[in-house]
C-alpha atoms as a PDB file:
ATOM      1  CA  MET A   1       5.408 -22.751 -27.611  1.00  0.00           C
ATOM      2  CA  THR A   2       6.448 -19.823 -25.423  1.00  0.00           C
ATOM      3  CA  THR A   3       7.334 -20.668 -21.848  1.00  0.00           C
ATOM      4  CA  HIS A   4       8.006 -18.560 -18.772  1.00  0.00           C
ATOM      5  CA  SER A   5      10.266 -19.431 -15.861  1.00  0.00           C
ATOM      6  CA  VAL A   6      10.684 -17.834 -12.445  1.00  0.00           C
ATOM      7  CA  THR A   7      13.111 -18.782  -9.674  1.00  0.00           C
ATOM      8  CA  THR A   8      11.992 -18.066  -6.102  1.00  0.00           C
ATOM      9  CA  VAL A   9      14.321 -18.311  -3.104  1.00  0.00           C
ATOM     10  CA  PHE A  10      13.517 -18.430   0.617  1.00  0.00           C
ATOM     11  CA  ASN A  11      14.934 -15.450   2.545  1.00  0.00           C
ATOM     12  CA  GLN A  12      13.884 -15.730   6.191  1.00  0.00           C
ATOM     13  CA  ASN A  13      10.755 -15.917   8.331  1.00  0.00           C
ATOM     14  CA  MET A  14       7.957 -15.966   5.701  1.00  0.00           C
ATOM     15  CA  SER A  15       9.834 -13.960   3.031  1.00  0.00           C
ATOM     16  CA  PHE A  16      10.737 -15.143  -0.490  1.00  0.00           C
ATOM     17  CA  THR A  17      12.361 -13.315  -3.390  1.00  0.00           C
ATOM     18  CA  ALA A  18      11.419 -14.152  -6.962  1.00  0.00           C
ATOM     19  CA  ASP A  19      13.769 -13.473  -9.843  1.00  0.00           C
ATOM     20  CA  ILE A  20      11.668 -12.624 -12.866  1.00  0.00           C
ATOM     21  CA  ASP A  21      13.890 -11.978 -15.880  1.00  0.00           C
ATOM     22  CA  GLY A  22      16.429 -10.230 -13.642  1.00  0.00           C
ATOM     23  CA  HIS A  23      13.806  -8.249 -11.715  1.00  0.00           C
ATOM     24  CA  LYS A  24      13.751  -9.071  -8.007  1.00  0.00           C
ATOM     25  CA  VAL A  25      10.352  -9.176  -6.323  1.00  0.00           C
ATOM     26  CA  THR A  26      10.044  -9.884  -2.608  1.00  0.00           C
ATOM     27  CA  MET A  27       6.904 -11.542  -1.288  1.00  0.00           C
ATOM     28  CA  ASP A  28       5.847 -12.097   2.303  1.00  0.00           C
ATOM     29  CA  ASP A  29       2.775 -12.949   4.341  1.00  0.00           C
ATOM     30  CA  PRO A  30       2.058  -9.878   6.475  1.00  0.00           C
ATOM     31  CA  SER A  31      -0.787 -11.735   8.232  1.00  0.00           C
ATOM     32  CA  ASP A  32       1.621 -14.343   9.682  1.00  0.00           C
ATOM     33  CA  GLU A  33       3.125 -13.659  13.117  1.00  0.00           C
ATOM     34  CA  ASN A  34       6.560 -14.723  11.817  1.00  0.00           C
ATOM     35  CA  SER A  35       6.461 -12.214   8.971  1.00  0.00           C
ATOM     36  CA  ASP A  36       8.799  -9.238   8.778  1.00  0.00           C
ATOM     37  CA  ASN A  37       6.398  -7.644   6.249  1.00  0.00           C
ATOM     38  CA  SER A  38       9.153  -7.351   3.639  1.00  0.00           C
ATOM     39  CA  GLY A  39       6.805  -7.475   0.655  1.00  0.00           C
ATOM     40  CA  PRO A  40       3.242  -8.021  -0.539  1.00  0.00           C
ATOM     41  CA  SER A  41       1.539 -11.384  -0.286  1.00  0.00           C
ATOM     42  CA  PRO A  42       1.566 -13.704  -3.314  1.00  0.00           C
ATOM     43  CA  LYS A  43      -2.217 -13.373  -3.681  1.00  0.00           C
ATOM     44  CA  ARG A  44      -1.999  -9.588  -3.801  1.00  0.00           C
ATOM     45  CA  MET A  45       0.776  -9.952  -6.379  1.00  0.00           C
ATOM     46  CA  MET A  46      -1.780 -11.803  -8.515  1.00  0.00           C
ATOM     47  CA  LEU A  47      -4.041  -8.740  -8.338  1.00  0.00           C
ATOM     48  CA  ALA A  48      -1.141  -6.485  -9.319  1.00  0.00           C
ATOM     49  CA  SER A  49      -0.421  -8.782 -12.281  1.00  0.00           C
ATOM     50  CA  LEU A  50      -4.048  -8.541 -13.344  1.00  0.00           C
ATOM     51  CA  ALA A  51      -3.981  -4.736 -13.161  1.00  0.00           C
ATOM     52  CA  GLY A  52      -0.678  -4.568 -15.021  1.00  0.00           C
ATOM     53  CA  CYS A  53      -1.812  -6.913 -17.781  1.00  0.00           C
ATOM     54  CA  THR A  54      -5.074  -5.136 -18.535  1.00  0.00           C
ATOM     55  CA  GLY A  55      -3.458  -1.717 -18.063  1.00  0.00           C
ATOM     56  CA  ILE A  56      -0.755  -2.442 -20.629  1.00  0.00           C
ATOM     57  CA  ASP A  57      -3.421  -3.565 -23.100  1.00  0.00           C
ATOM     58  CA  ILE A  58      -5.506  -0.451 -22.573  1.00  0.00           C
ATOM     59  CA  VAL A  59      -2.590   1.973 -22.921  1.00  0.00           C
ATOM     60  CA  SER A  60      -1.519   0.216 -26.120  1.00  0.00           C
ATOM     61  CA  ILE A  61      -5.039   0.365 -27.577  1.00  0.00           C
ATOM     62  CA  LEU A  62      -5.624   4.000 -26.578  1.00  0.00           C
ATOM     63  CA  ASN A  63      -2.270   4.982 -28.090  1.00  0.00           C
ATOM     64  CA  LYS A  64      -3.098   3.185 -31.351  1.00  0.00           C
ATOM     65  CA  THR A  65      -6.469   4.962 -31.528  1.00  0.00           C
ATOM     66  CA  LYS A  66      -4.778   8.297 -30.734  1.00  0.00           C
ATOM     67  CA  ALA A  67      -6.948   8.846 -27.643  1.00  0.00           C
ATOM     68  CA  ALA A  68      -5.171  11.320 -25.368  1.00  0.00           C
ATOM     69  CA  PHE A  69      -5.526  10.460 -21.687  1.00  0.00           C
ATOM     70  CA  SER A  70      -4.050  11.228 -18.272  1.00  0.00           C
ATOM     71  CA  ASP A  71      -4.417  10.214 -14.635  1.00  0.00           C
ATOM     72  CA  PHE A  72      -4.930   6.548 -15.508  1.00  0.00           C
ATOM     73  CA  SER A  73      -5.063   4.139 -12.580  1.00  0.00           C
ATOM     74  CA  ILE A  74      -6.516   0.708 -11.948  1.00  0.00           C
ATOM     75  CA  HIS A  75      -8.001  -0.446  -8.652  1.00  0.00           C
ATOM     76  CA  VAL A  76      -8.592  -4.162  -8.152  1.00  0.00           C
ATOM     77  CA  HIS A  77     -10.763  -5.352  -5.269  1.00  0.00           C
ATOM     78  CA  ALA A  78     -11.125  -9.085  -4.706  1.00  0.00           C
ATOM     79  CA  ALA A  79     -13.043 -11.274  -2.267  1.00  0.00           C
ATOM     80  CA  LEU A  80     -11.624 -14.520  -0.905  1.00  0.00           C
ATOM     81  CA  THR A  81     -13.539 -17.677  -0.116  1.00  0.00           C
ATOM     82  CA  ASN A  82     -13.787 -18.631   3.559  1.00  0.00           C
ATOM     83  CA  GLU A  83     -12.547 -22.212   3.127  1.00  0.00           C
ATOM     84  CA  HIS A  84      -9.008 -23.394   2.489  1.00  0.00           C
ATOM     85  CA  PRO A  85      -7.505 -23.121   0.025  1.00  0.00           C
ATOM     86  CA  LYS A  86      -8.786 -19.541   0.099  1.00  0.00           C
ATOM     87  CA  THR A  87      -9.142 -18.378  -3.489  1.00  0.00           C
ATOM     88  CA  TYR A  88     -10.517 -15.262  -5.114  1.00  0.00           C
ATOM     89  CA  ASN A  89     -14.116 -15.784  -6.135  1.00  0.00           C
ATOM     90  CA  LEU A  90     -15.200 -12.212  -6.938  1.00  0.00           C
ATOM     91  CA  VAL A  91     -12.958  -9.587  -8.552  1.00  0.00           C
ATOM     92  CA  LYS A  92     -13.877  -6.022  -9.490  1.00  0.00           C
ATOM     93  CA  ILE A  93     -11.570  -3.876 -11.604  1.00  0.00           C
ATOM     94  CA  THR A  94     -12.162  -0.122 -11.581  1.00  0.00           C
ATOM     95  CA  TYR A  95     -10.388   1.866 -14.267  1.00  0.00           C
ATOM     96  CA  LYS A  96      -9.988   5.557 -13.436  1.00  0.00           C
ATOM     97  CA  ILE A  97      -9.013   7.781 -16.332  1.00  0.00           C
ATOM     98  CA  LYS A  98      -9.203  11.330 -17.586  1.00  0.00           C
ATOM     99  CA  LEU A  99      -9.904  11.711 -21.301  1.00  0.00           C
ATOM    100  CA  ALA A 100     -12.053  13.762 -23.620  1.00  0.00           C
ATOM    101  CA  GLU A 101     -15.756  12.995 -23.880  1.00  0.00           C
ATOM    102  CA  GLU A 102     -15.379  11.994 -27.533  1.00  0.00           C
ATOM    103  CA  ASP A 103     -12.743   9.388 -26.555  1.00  0.00           C
ATOM    104  CA  LYS A 104     -14.932   7.568 -24.005  1.00  0.00           C
ATOM    105  CA  PRO A 105     -16.113   5.031 -26.616  1.00  0.00           C
ATOM    106  CA  LYS A 106     -12.445   4.251 -27.322  1.00  0.00           C
ATOM    107  CA  MET A 107     -11.891   3.543 -23.623  1.00  0.00           C
ATOM    108  CA  ILE A 108     -14.949   1.287 -23.493  1.00  0.00           C
ATOM    109  CA  LYS A 109     -13.649  -0.593 -26.537  1.00  0.00           C
ATOM    110  CA  ALA A 110     -10.138  -0.833 -25.033  1.00  0.00           C
ATOM    111  CA  VAL A 111     -11.487  -2.364 -21.806  1.00  0.00           C
ATOM    112  CA  SER A 112     -13.614  -4.779 -23.794  1.00  0.00           C
ATOM    113  CA  LEU A 113     -10.716  -5.882 -26.000  1.00  0.00           C
ATOM    114  CA  SER A 114      -8.430  -6.310 -23.012  1.00  0.00           C
ATOM    115  CA  THR A 115     -10.861  -8.330 -20.919  1.00  0.00           C
ATOM    116  CA  GLU A 116     -12.326 -10.408 -23.739  1.00  0.00           C
ATOM    117  CA  LYS A 117      -9.370 -10.959 -26.066  1.00  0.00           C
ATOM    118  CA  TYR A 118      -5.888  -9.846 -25.026  1.00  0.00           C
ATOM    119  CA  CYS A 119      -5.255 -10.025 -21.273  1.00  0.00           C
ATOM    120  CA  GLY A 120      -4.153 -13.568 -20.461  1.00  0.00           C
ATOM    121  CA  VAL A 121      -4.183 -12.860 -16.727  1.00  0.00           C
ATOM    122  CA  PHE A 122      -7.849 -11.791 -16.943  1.00  0.00           C
ATOM    123  CA  ALA A 123      -8.613 -14.980 -18.895  1.00  0.00           C
ATOM    124  CA  MET A 124      -6.977 -17.074 -16.165  1.00  0.00           C
ATOM    125  CA  PHE A 125      -8.880 -15.229 -13.417  1.00  0.00           C
ATOM    126  CA  LYS A 126     -12.177 -15.894 -15.244  1.00  0.00           C
ATOM    127  CA  THR A 127     -11.651 -19.634 -14.700  1.00  0.00           C
ATOM    128  CA  PHE A 128     -12.021 -19.291 -10.927  1.00  0.00           C
ATOM    129  CA  ALA A 129     -13.662 -15.936 -10.163  1.00  0.00           C
ATOM    130  CA  LYS A 130     -16.619 -13.812 -11.194  1.00  0.00           C
ATOM    131  CA  MET A 131     -15.137 -10.771 -12.909  1.00  0.00           C
ATOM    132  CA  ASP A 132     -16.619  -7.275 -13.005  1.00  0.00           C
ATOM    133  CA  THR A 133     -15.275  -4.068 -14.546  1.00  0.00           C
ATOM    134  CA  GLU A 134     -16.141  -0.394 -14.188  1.00  0.00           C
ATOM    135  CA  ILE A 135     -14.801   2.780 -15.768  1.00  0.00           C
ATOM    136  CA  ASP A 136     -14.665   5.919 -13.624  1.00  0.00           C
ATOM    137  CA  TYR A 137     -14.116   9.014 -15.770  1.00  0.00           C
ATOM    138  CA  LEU A 138     -12.281  11.797 -13.959  1.00  0.00           C
END
């Protein structure tokens, strides 16, 4: 069984730094009055992880299918519940990409494979939020 481990250390105010395989990531809570706004909130980091996971899948799939693309970006918008603990209950991922008309079916397939088979972060999000995806061709 593969395992992952992260060490997170308190800095000051509301700031923490996580060490992820030697990569330092600072998190903070900009909405707290004691925050020095030294990094994104942990919940927003979850959204970045989701975008990164599905993005890596899609690039890998498009490369394997020899679909040339450019200007690829991923926008994740998520709604929080009103009650504590506030969790994401609705997440929309918008993929923006420039590619040839004949490669659009490859992009549709890549998104489908990522969200239904490969992206573990997407699979985890599906357990607590309604997920929606959209492709915006540039």
